[in-house]
Amino acid sequence: MKLAVGTSLFIIAVKSLFGFVGDLQGGEIIDWKPLMKQKISTPVISADRIVTSLKLSILMALYKLSQALEITGYF
């Protein structure tokens, strides 16, 4: 299943790249300013979400560990 998902994402990426290159070769005028603004803000938002997800997963793991230790009588 993982291979199928990876293959699908690869195909989508290649098709997007070909479409973008086709637009550039076709004389399409691209306004780069909105893309540059998003490029700067998107990694900051993504990094914040990654850190939050990591914190939550650690807290959940500690909570499950404390419950397991409580049940077995070690805590």
Protein backbone atom coordinates (compact mmCIF):
# COMPACT_ATOMS: atom_id res chain seq x y z
CA MET A 1 0.00 0.00 0.00
CA LYS A 2 2.85 2.40 0.85
CA LEU A 3 4.41 1.77 -2.53
CA ALA A 4 1.13 2.61 -4.27
CA VAL A 5 0.80 5.89 -2.36
CA GLY A 6 4.40 6.84 -3.07
CA THR A 7 4.01 6.01 -6.75
CA SER A 8 0.83 8.08 -6.99
CA LEU A 9 2.49 11.08 -5.34
CA PHE A 10 5.48 10.76 -7.66
CA ILE A 11 3.22 10.69 -10.72
CA ILE A 12 1.32 13.76 -9.50
CA ALA A 13 4.59 15.63 -8.90
CA VAL A 14 5.93 14.77 -12.36
CA LYS A 15 2.69 15.78 -14.07
CA SER A 16 2.70 19.08 -12.15
CA LEU A 17 6.30 19.74 -13.15
CA PHE A 18 5.55 19.04 -16.82
CA GLY A 19 2.53 21.32 -16.68
CA PHE A 20 4.55 24.14 -15.11
CA VAL A 21 7.35 23.76 -17.67
CA GLY A 22 4.74 23.77 -20.43
CA ASP A 23 3.32 27.03 -19.09
CA LEU A 24 6.79 28.57 -19.07
CA GLN A 25 7.48 27.46 -22.63
CA GLY A 26 4.06 28.63 -23.81
CA GLY A 27 4.83 32.24 -22.93
CA GLU A 28 2.60 32.31 -19.86
CA ILE A 29 3.34 35.32 -17.66
CA ILE A 30 3.67 34.27 -14.02
CA ASP A 31 3.27 36.75 -11.18
CA TRP A 32 6.01 35.61 -8.78
CA LYS A 33 5.22 38.03 -5.91
CA PRO A 34 2.38 35.99 -4.33
CA LEU A 35 4.49 32.83 -4.60
CA MET A 36 7.41 34.46 -2.81
CA LYS A 37 5.20 35.69 0.02
CA GLN A 38 3.77 32.22 0.55
CA LYS A 39 7.18 30.58 0.33
CA ILE A 40 8.40 32.66 3.27
CA SER A 41 5.38 32.14 5.54
CA THR A 42 4.62 28.48 4.78
CA PRO A 43 7.76 26.93 6.35
CA VAL A 44 7.21 28.90 9.55
CA ILE A 45 3.65 27.59 9.85
CA SER A 46 4.76 24.07 8.96
CA ALA A 47 7.58 24.10 11.52
CA ASP A 48 5.18 25.29 14.20
CA ARG A 49 2.76 22.47 13.41
CA ILE A 50 5.56 19.90 13.43
CA VAL A 51 6.76 21.03 16.86
CA THR A 52 3.21 21.00 18.23
CA SER A 53 2.61 17.51 16.85
CA LEU A 54 5.83 16.24 18.39
CA LYS A 55 4.93 17.71 21.78
CA LEU A 56 1.48 16.14 21.68
CA SER A 57 2.82 12.74 20.66
CA ILE A 58 5.36 12.80 23.51
CA LEU A 59 2.67 13.77 26.01
CA MET A 60 0.40 11.00 24.76
CA ALA A 61 3.20 8.45 25.00
CA LEU A 62 4.03 9.54 28.56
CA TYR A 63 0.35 9.35 29.51
CA LYS A 64 0.02 5.83 28.10
CA LEU A 65 3.23 4.78 29.86
CA SER A 66 2.00 6.15 33.17
CA GLN A 67 -1.29 4.26 32.74
CA ALA A 68 0.57 1.03 31.94
CA LEU A 69 2.82 1.42 34.97
CA GLU A 70 -0.17 2.20 37.16
CA ILE A 71 -2.00 -0.93 36.02
CA THR A 72 1.01 -3.18 36.62
CA GLY A 73 1.65 -1.69 40.06
CA TYR A 74 5.05 -0.18 39.36
CA PHE A 75 3.87 3.37 39.84
